[in-house]
C-alpha atoms as a PDB file:
ATOM      1  CA  MET A   1     -22.297  43.080  41.953  1.00  0.00           C
ATOM      2  CA  ARG A   2     -22.944  46.507  41.747  1.00  0.00           C
ATOM      3  CA  VAL A   3     -23.884  47.604  37.734  1.00  0.00           C
ATOM      4  CA  ILE A   4     -22.939  51.264  36.284  1.00  0.00           C
ATOM      5  CA  VAL A   5     -25.269  52.008  33.447  1.00  0.00           C
ATOM      6  CA  SER A   6     -23.851  54.781  31.364  1.00  0.00           C
ATOM      7  CA  GLY A   7     -24.780  56.955  28.364  1.00  0.00           C
ATOM      8  CA  SER A   8     -21.878  55.879  25.778  1.00  0.00           C
ATOM      9  CA  PRO A   9     -19.292  53.442  25.005  1.00  0.00           C
ATOM     10  CA  LEU A  10     -16.512  55.382  25.552  1.00  0.00           C
ATOM     11  CA  GLU A  11     -17.703  56.766  29.076  1.00  0.00           C
ATOM     12  CA  ALA A  12     -18.429  53.124  30.058  1.00  0.00           C
ATOM     13  CA  ALA A  13     -14.842  52.640  29.116  1.00  0.00           C
ATOM     14  CA  GLU A  14     -13.577  55.354  31.468  1.00  0.00           C
ATOM     15  CA  LEU A  15     -15.162  54.564  34.226  1.00  0.00           C
ATOM     16  CA  ALA A  16     -13.994  50.987  34.176  1.00  0.00           C
ATOM     17  CA  ALA A  17     -10.616  52.549  33.190  1.00  0.00           C
ATOM     18  CA  SER A  18     -10.747  53.923  36.327  1.00  0.00           C
ATOM     19  CA  ALA A  19     -11.937  51.722  38.373  1.00  0.00           C
ATOM     20  CA  ILE A  20      -9.526  49.605  37.619  1.00  0.00           C
ATOM     21  CA  ALA A  21      -6.457  51.757  38.069  1.00  0.00           C
ATOM     22  CA  ARG A  22      -8.134  52.263  41.846  1.00  0.00           C
ATOM     23  CA  GLU A  23      -8.020  48.720  42.469  1.00  0.00           C
ATOM     24  CA  LEU A  24      -4.129  48.579  41.127  1.00  0.00           C
ATOM     25  CA  ARG A  25      -3.459  51.120  43.667  1.00  0.00           C
ATOM     26  CA  VAL A  26      -5.012  49.698  46.074  1.00  0.00           C
ATOM     27  CA  ALA A  27      -3.488  46.506  45.684  1.00  0.00           C
ATOM     28  CA  VAL A  28       0.283  47.359  45.471  1.00  0.00           C
ATOM     29  CA  GLU A  29      -0.673  49.558  48.570  1.00  0.00           C
ATOM     30  CA  THR A  30      -2.023  46.115  50.288  1.00  0.00           C
ATOM     31  CA  ARG A  31       0.661  44.015  49.267  1.00  0.00           C
ATOM     32  CA  GLY A  32       3.680  45.504  47.149  1.00  0.00           C
ATOM     33  CA  SER A  33       2.272  44.881  43.777  1.00  0.00           C
ATOM     34  CA  ALA A  34      -0.784  43.816  41.656  1.00  0.00           C
ATOM     35  CA  THR A  35      -1.758  41.418  38.607  1.00  0.00           C
ATOM     36  CA  LEU A  36      -4.263  42.942  35.439  1.00  0.00           C
ATOM     37  CA  ALA A  37      -5.504  40.394  33.731  1.00  0.00           C
ATOM     38  CA  LEU A  38      -6.908  41.783  30.599  1.00  0.00           C
ATOM     39  CA  SER A  39      -9.249  39.890  27.684  1.00  0.00           C
ATOM     40  CA  GLY A  40      -9.337  40.903  24.175  1.00  0.00           C
ATOM     41  CA  GLY A  41     -11.965  42.260  22.016  1.00  0.00           C
ATOM     42  CA  SER A  42     -12.669  45.499  19.876  1.00  0.00           C
ATOM     43  CA  THR A  43     -14.435  46.905  22.897  1.00  0.00           C
ATOM     44  CA  PRO A  44     -11.824  47.344  25.603  1.00  0.00           C
ATOM     45  CA  ALA A  45      -9.484  49.434  23.127  1.00  0.00           C
ATOM     46  CA  PRO A  46     -10.218  52.786  24.678  1.00  0.00           C
ATOM     47  CA  MET A  47     -10.328  51.870  28.135  1.00  0.00           C
ATOM     48  CA  VAL A  48      -6.753  50.477  27.558  1.00  0.00           C
ATOM     49  CA  SER A  49      -5.633  53.670  26.004  1.00  0.00           C
ATOM     50  CA  ARG A  50      -7.125  55.667  29.204  1.00  0.00           C
ATOM     51  CA  LEU A  51      -5.934  53.497  31.452  1.00  0.00           C
ATOM     52  CA  SER A  52      -2.312  53.715  30.526  1.00  0.00           C
ATOM     53  CA  ALA A  53      -2.893  57.123  31.409  1.00  0.00           C
ATOM     54  CA  CYS A  54      -4.361  56.711  35.308  1.00  0.00           C
ATOM     55  CA  ASP A  55      -2.142  57.377  38.074  1.00  0.00           C
ATOM     56  CA  VAL A  56      -0.576  53.932  38.942  1.00  0.00           C
ATOM     57  CA  PRO A  57       2.785  53.011  40.813  1.00  0.00           C
ATOM     58  CA  TRP A  58       3.251  50.591  37.061  1.00  0.00           C
ATOM     59  CA  ALA A  59       6.507  49.933  37.906  1.00  0.00           C
ATOM     60  CA  ALA A  60       4.520  47.083  40.330  1.00  0.00           C
ATOM     61  CA  VAL A  61       1.946  45.887  38.385  1.00  0.00           C
ATOM     62  CA  GLN A  62       2.072  42.396  36.306  1.00  0.00           C
ATOM     63  CA  LEU A  63      -0.244  42.430  32.919  1.00  0.00           C
ATOM     64  CA  LEU A  64      -1.399  39.491  31.692  1.00  0.00           C
ATOM     65  CA  GLN A  65      -3.715  38.234  29.237  1.00  0.00           C
ATOM     66  CA  VAL A  66      -7.279  36.660  29.712  1.00  0.00           C
ATOM     67  CA  ASP A  67      -6.671  35.272  26.489  1.00  0.00           C
ATOM     68  CA  GLU A  68      -5.714  35.124  22.706  1.00  0.00           C
ATOM     69  CA  ARG A  69      -6.042  33.589  19.439  1.00  0.00           C
ATOM     70  CA  GLN A  70      -3.307  31.606  17.986  1.00  0.00           C
ATOM     71  CA  VAL A  71      -2.248  34.334  15.138  1.00  0.00           C
ATOM     72  CA  SER A  72       1.160  35.151  14.588  1.00  0.00           C
ATOM     73  CA  ALA A  73       2.976  38.675  16.922  1.00  0.00           C
ATOM     74  CA  ASP A  74       2.178  40.591  13.601  1.00  0.00           C
ATOM     75  CA  ASP A  75      -1.013  39.365  13.181  1.00  0.00           C
ATOM     76  CA  PRO A  76      -3.376  42.004  13.286  1.00  0.00           C
ATOM     77  CA  ASP A  77      -6.170  39.832  15.234  1.00  0.00           C
ATOM     78  CA  ARG A  78      -3.555  40.018  18.050  1.00  0.00           C
ATOM     79  CA  ASN A  79      -4.850  40.690  21.383  1.00  0.00           C
ATOM     80  CA  TRP A  80      -2.244  41.821  22.720  1.00  0.00           C
ATOM     81  CA  SER A  81      -1.428  44.356  19.917  1.00  0.00           C
ATOM     82  CA  MET A  82      -4.336  46.306  21.088  1.00  0.00           C
ATOM     83  CA  PHE A  83      -2.533  46.073  24.796  1.00  0.00           C
ATOM     84  CA  ARG A  84       0.209  47.937  23.405  1.00  0.00           C
ATOM     85  CA  PRO A  85      -0.684  51.411  24.232  1.00  0.00           C
ATOM     86  CA  LEU A  86      -0.814  49.382  28.231  1.00  0.00           C
ATOM     87  CA  ALA A  87       2.211  47.675  27.778  1.00  0.00           C
ATOM     88  CA  GLU A  88       4.318  50.960  27.473  1.00  0.00           C
ATOM     89  CA  VAL A  89       4.324  52.269  30.413  1.00  0.00           C
ATOM     90  CA  ILE A  90       4.848  48.514  31.916  1.00  0.00           C
ATOM     91  CA  ALA A  91       8.525  47.485  32.516  1.00  0.00           C
ATOM     92  CA  PRO A  92       9.240  44.420  29.585  1.00  0.00           C
ATOM     93  CA  GLU A  93       9.382  41.871  33.099  1.00  0.00           C
ATOM     94  CA  ASN A  94       5.692  42.346  33.605  1.00  0.00           C
ATOM     95  CA  ARG A  95       4.628  42.475  30.336  1.00  0.00           C
ATOM     96  CA  HIS A  96       3.595  38.558  29.642  1.00  0.00           C
ATOM     97  CA  PRO A  97       2.163  38.323  26.057  1.00  0.00           C
ATOM     98  CA  MET A  98       0.420  34.533  26.319  1.00  0.00           C
ATOM     99  CA  PRO A  99       2.889  33.067  24.146  1.00  0.00           C
ATOM    100  CA  VAL A 100       0.309  30.945  22.093  1.00  0.00           C
ATOM    101  CA  GLU A 101       3.257  30.170  18.665  1.00  0.00           C
ATOM    102  CA  ALA A 102       4.245  27.684  21.203  1.00  0.00           C
ATOM    103  CA  ALA A 103       2.114  23.801  21.212  1.00  0.00           C
ATOM    104  CA  ASP A 104       2.868  24.002  25.006  1.00  0.00           C
ATOM    105  CA  ALA A 105       1.336  27.760  25.694  1.00  0.00           C
ATOM    106  CA  ASP A 106      -0.909  26.411  28.283  1.00  0.00           C
ATOM    107  CA  VAL A 107       1.608  24.639  30.231  1.00  0.00           C
ATOM    108  CA  ARG A 108       3.764  27.432  29.536  1.00  0.00           C
ATOM    109  CA  TYR A 109       1.283  30.265  30.914  1.00  0.00           C
ATOM    110  CA  SER A 110       0.106  28.255  33.597  1.00  0.00           C
ATOM    111  CA  GLU A 111       3.459  27.879  35.789  1.00  0.00           C
ATOM    112  CA  LEU A 112       4.164  32.257  35.103  1.00  0.00           C
ATOM    113  CA  LEU A 113       1.226  32.537  36.437  1.00  0.00           C
ATOM    114  CA  GLN A 114       2.086  29.919  40.028  1.00  0.00           C
ATOM    115  CA  SER A 115       4.706  31.956  39.682  1.00  0.00           C
ATOM    116  CA  ILE A 116       3.503  35.213  39.730  1.00  0.00           C
ATOM    117  CA  ALA A 117      -0.087  34.722  42.151  1.00  0.00           C
ATOM    118  CA  GLY A 118       0.274  31.804  43.735  1.00  0.00           C
ATOM    119  CA  ASN A 119      -1.021  28.019  43.424  1.00  0.00           C
ATOM    120  CA  PRO A 120      -3.999  28.578  42.923  1.00  0.00           C
ATOM    121  CA  PRO A 121      -3.784  31.545  41.360  1.00  0.00           C
ATOM    122  CA  GLN A 122      -5.206  34.347  42.350  1.00  0.00           C
ATOM    123  CA  LEU A 123      -5.399  37.929  40.353  1.00  0.00           C
ATOM    124  CA  ASP A 124      -6.052  41.317  41.758  1.00  0.00           C
ATOM    125  CA  VAL A 125      -8.192  42.299  38.359  1.00  0.00           C
ATOM    126  CA  VAL A 126      -9.768  40.541  35.912  1.00  0.00           C
ATOM    127  CA  HIS A 127     -11.098  42.259  33.659  1.00  0.00           C
ATOM    128  CA  LEU A 128     -14.139  41.058  31.120  1.00  0.00           C
ATOM    129  CA  GLY A 129     -16.584  41.526  28.390  1.00  0.00           C
ATOM    130  CA  LEU A 130     -19.521  39.977  27.192  1.00  0.00           C
ATOM    131  CA  GLY A 131     -20.207  38.470  23.817  1.00  0.00           C
ATOM    132  CA  ALA A 132     -24.035  38.540  22.343  1.00  0.00           C
ATOM    133  CA  ASP A 133     -24.168  34.457  22.547  1.00  0.00           C
ATOM    134  CA  GLY A 134     -22.927  34.648  26.401  1.00  0.00           C
ATOM    135  CA  HIS A 135     -19.261  33.553  25.944  1.00  0.00           C
ATOM    136  CA  THR A 136     -16.392  35.481  28.143  1.00  0.00           C
ATOM    137  CA  ALA A 137     -13.213  35.553  27.591  1.00  0.00           C
ATOM    138  CA  SER A 138     -12.819  32.398  25.141  1.00  0.00           C
ATOM    139  CA  LEU A 139     -15.227  30.381  26.697  1.00  0.00           C
ATOM    140  CA  VAL A 140     -17.897  29.693  24.296  1.00  0.00           C
ATOM    141  CA  PRO A 141     -21.201  28.391  24.936  1.00  0.00           C
ATOM    142  CA  GLY A 142     -20.766  24.057  23.787  1.00  0.00           C
ATOM    143  CA  ASP A 143     -16.978  23.820  24.472  1.00  0.00           C
ATOM    144  CA  LEU A 144     -16.455  21.314  27.507  1.00  0.00           C
ATOM    145  CA  VAL A 145     -13.223  23.813  28.824  1.00  0.00           C
ATOM    146  CA  VAL A 146     -15.994  26.227  30.401  1.00  0.00           C
ATOM    147  CA  ASP A 147     -16.505  23.179  32.636  1.00  0.00           C
ATOM    148  CA  ILE A 148     -12.255  22.515  33.915  1.00  0.00           C
ATOM    149  CA  ASP A 149     -11.827  22.731  37.504  1.00  0.00           C
ATOM    150  CA  ASP A 150      -8.379  21.716  37.260  1.00  0.00           C
ATOM    151  CA  ARG A 151      -6.162  24.101  35.241  1.00  0.00           C
ATOM    152  CA  SER A 152      -5.488  27.814  34.834  1.00  0.00           C
ATOM    153  CA  VAL A 153      -4.789  28.266  31.335  1.00  0.00           C
ATOM    154  CA  SER A 154      -6.271  25.653  27.798  1.00  0.00           C
ATOM    155  CA  TRP A 155      -6.370  25.481  24.665  1.00  0.00           C
ATOM    156  CA  VAL A 156     -10.416  25.927  23.070  1.00  0.00           C
ATOM    157  CA  ASP A 157     -12.035  24.823  19.814  1.00  0.00           C
ATOM    158  CA  PRO A 158     -12.026  27.039  16.881  1.00  0.00           C
ATOM    159  CA  TYR A 159     -14.020  29.732  17.660  1.00  0.00           C
ATOM    160  CA  ARG A 160     -14.872  32.154  15.110  1.00  0.00           C
ATOM    161  CA  GLY A 161     -12.010  31.380  12.601  1.00  0.00           C
ATOM    162  CA  HIS A 162      -9.766  30.687  15.202  1.00  0.00           C
ATOM    163  CA  ARG A 163      -8.391  28.103  17.562  1.00  0.00           C
ATOM    164  CA  ARG A 164      -7.305  30.668  21.515  1.00  0.00           C
ATOM    165  CA  LEU A 165      -5.585  30.141  24.283  1.00  0.00           C
ATOM    166  CA  THR A 166      -7.744  30.968  27.987  1.00  0.00           C
ATOM    167  CA  LEU A 167      -7.740  31.519  32.198  1.00  0.00           C
ATOM    168  CA  THR A 168     -10.247  28.739  33.039  1.00  0.00           C
ATOM    169  CA  LEU A 169     -13.265  29.816  35.135  1.00  0.00           C
ATOM    170  CA  PRO A 170     -11.879  29.020  38.406  1.00  0.00           C
ATOM    171  CA  VAL A 171      -8.879  31.709  37.898  1.00  0.00           C
ATOM    172  CA  LEU A 172     -11.750  33.848  36.612  1.00  0.00           C
ATOM    173  CA  ARG A 173     -13.690  33.202  39.565  1.00  0.00           C
ATOM    174  CA  ASN A 174     -11.083  33.623  42.490  1.00  0.00           C
ATOM    175  CA  ALA A 175      -9.871  36.942  41.293  1.00  0.00           C
ATOM    176  CA  ARG A 176     -10.084  39.612  43.914  1.00  0.00           C
ATOM    177  CA  CYS A 177     -11.696  41.909  41.694  1.00  0.00           C
ATOM    178  CA  GLN A 178     -13.660  41.273  37.667  1.00  0.00           C
ATOM    179  CA  ILE A 179     -14.147  44.472  35.775  1.00  0.00           C
ATOM    180  CA  TRP A 180     -16.612  43.732  32.849  1.00  0.00           C
ATOM    181  CA  LEU A 181     -17.160  46.256  30.327  1.00  0.00           C
ATOM    182  CA  VAL A 182     -20.314  45.513  27.520  1.00  0.00           C
ATOM    183  CA  ALA A 183     -21.141  48.122  25.260  1.00  0.00           C
ATOM    184  CA  GLY A 184     -23.743  47.701  22.450  1.00  0.00           C
ATOM    185  CA  ALA A 185     -27.631  46.494  21.687  1.00  0.00           C
ATOM    186  CA  ASP A 186     -26.992  43.228  20.595  1.00  0.00           C
ATOM    187  CA  LYS A 187     -25.794  42.256  24.556  1.00  0.00           C
ATOM    188  CA  ALA A 188     -28.711  43.191  26.069  1.00  0.00           C
ATOM    189  CA  ASP A 189     -29.906  39.996  25.768  1.00  0.00           C
ATOM    190  CA  ALA A 190     -26.566  38.385  27.300  1.00  0.00           C
ATOM    191  CA  VAL A 191     -26.951  41.141  29.623  1.00  0.00           C
ATOM    192  CA  ARG A 192     -30.235  40.249  31.347  1.00  0.00           C
ATOM    193  CA  GLU A 193     -29.376  36.303  31.610  1.00  0.00           C
ATOM    194  CA  LEU A 194     -26.177  37.330  33.586  1.00  0.00           C
ATOM    195  CA  THR A 195     -27.381  39.596  35.351  1.00  0.00           C
ATOM    196  CA  SER A 196     -30.085  37.858  36.983  1.00  0.00           C
ATOM    197  CA  GLY A 197     -28.203  34.644  38.172  1.00  0.00           C
ATOM    198  CA  GLN A 198     -29.595  32.169  36.658  1.00  0.00           C
ATOM    199  CA  GLY A 199     -28.004  32.013  33.806  1.00  0.00           C
ATOM    200  CA  SER A 200     -26.364  28.761  32.372  1.00  0.00           C
ATOM    201  CA  THR A 201     -23.742  30.811  29.615  1.00  0.00           C
ATOM    202  CA  PRO A 202     -20.186  30.553  30.591  1.00  0.00           C
ATOM    203  CA  ALA A 203     -20.387  34.532  31.334  1.00  0.00           C
ATOM    204  CA  ALA A 204     -22.719  33.458  33.824  1.00  0.00           C
ATOM    205  CA  LYS A 205     -20.594  30.812  35.879  1.00  0.00           C
ATOM    206  CA  VAL A 206     -17.636  32.714  35.848  1.00  0.00           C
ATOM    207  CA  LEU A 207     -19.389  36.284  37.126  1.00  0.00           C
ATOM    208  CA  ASN A 208     -18.361  36.179  41.240  1.00  0.00           C
ATOM    209  CA  ARG A 209     -21.342  38.381  42.395  1.00  0.00           C
ATOM    210  CA  ASP A 210     -18.807  39.347  45.447  1.00  0.00           C
ATOM    211  CA  THR A 211     -16.418  40.832  43.640  1.00  0.00           C
ATOM    212  CA  ALA A 212     -17.545  41.617  40.154  1.00  0.00           C
ATOM    213  CA  THR A 213     -18.668  45.702  38.661  1.00  0.00           C
ATOM    214  CA  LEU A 214     -20.321  46.028  35.033  1.00  0.00           C
ATOM    215  CA  PHE A 215     -19.632  49.155  33.294  1.00  0.00           C
ATOM    216  CA  ILE A 216     -22.250  48.968  30.624  1.00  0.00           C
ATOM    217  CA  ASP A 217     -23.719  51.017  28.086  1.00  0.00           C
ATOM    218  CA  ALA A 218     -27.361  52.520  27.849  1.00  0.00           C
ATOM    219  CA  ALA A 219     -27.666  50.036  24.676  1.00  0.00           C
ATOM    220  CA  ALA A 220     -26.841  47.091  26.228  1.00  0.00           C
ATOM    221  CA  SER A 221     -28.429  47.834  29.355  1.00  0.00           C
ATOM    222  CA  THR A 222     -32.346  46.744  30.244  1.00  0.00           C
ATOM    223  CA  GLU A 223     -34.701  47.058  33.246  1.00  0.00           C
ATOM    224  CA  ASP A 224     -34.138  44.225  35.208  1.00  0.00           C
ATOM    225  CA  SER A 225     -30.241  44.632  35.356  1.00  0.00           C
END
């Protein structure tokens, strides 16, 4: 695991974008195609914008989601709306928003993952965030979905006003590369637990120390990290 501390959230976002672009290029060069799954939240918006301008063979990249709120396609709370700058450089057939309008969205997205990334799925790059409560993706403390090991995709209980669909822990841990982006002083305690190697939060369970790089700003940094 690498931890890279930047002076500002914007610098951390730009470095994370460059790292993702590099991993995607390697995947395309090695296997002829690449898979990228992005998480929601407000922190990654600058990263997504910067990534869309990076030199990547986008025609060979499949864009997926880590999680999504069950809201209408035009709702501003929809995570996919933040990904539009990047989606615009991706071929339409390679854009894969979570179909949260469908009751069986978990089954549909699981089948899609298998068709693209194998069974069990192995994504090339997974981008993850970190909540102050230690959640990542839509895996939140106290939700039994955190410990699911026999499904790739699952609905979770309502969290902060919305029911959500999320990739499960096995898929997130199995990615060839995890890129974490964390910013804000309110995340410092969560970062400390995440990097300690002894945490019990959902994020600590998801973290794969062999494949993870954490990009954090100075405010989220701790002496222990």
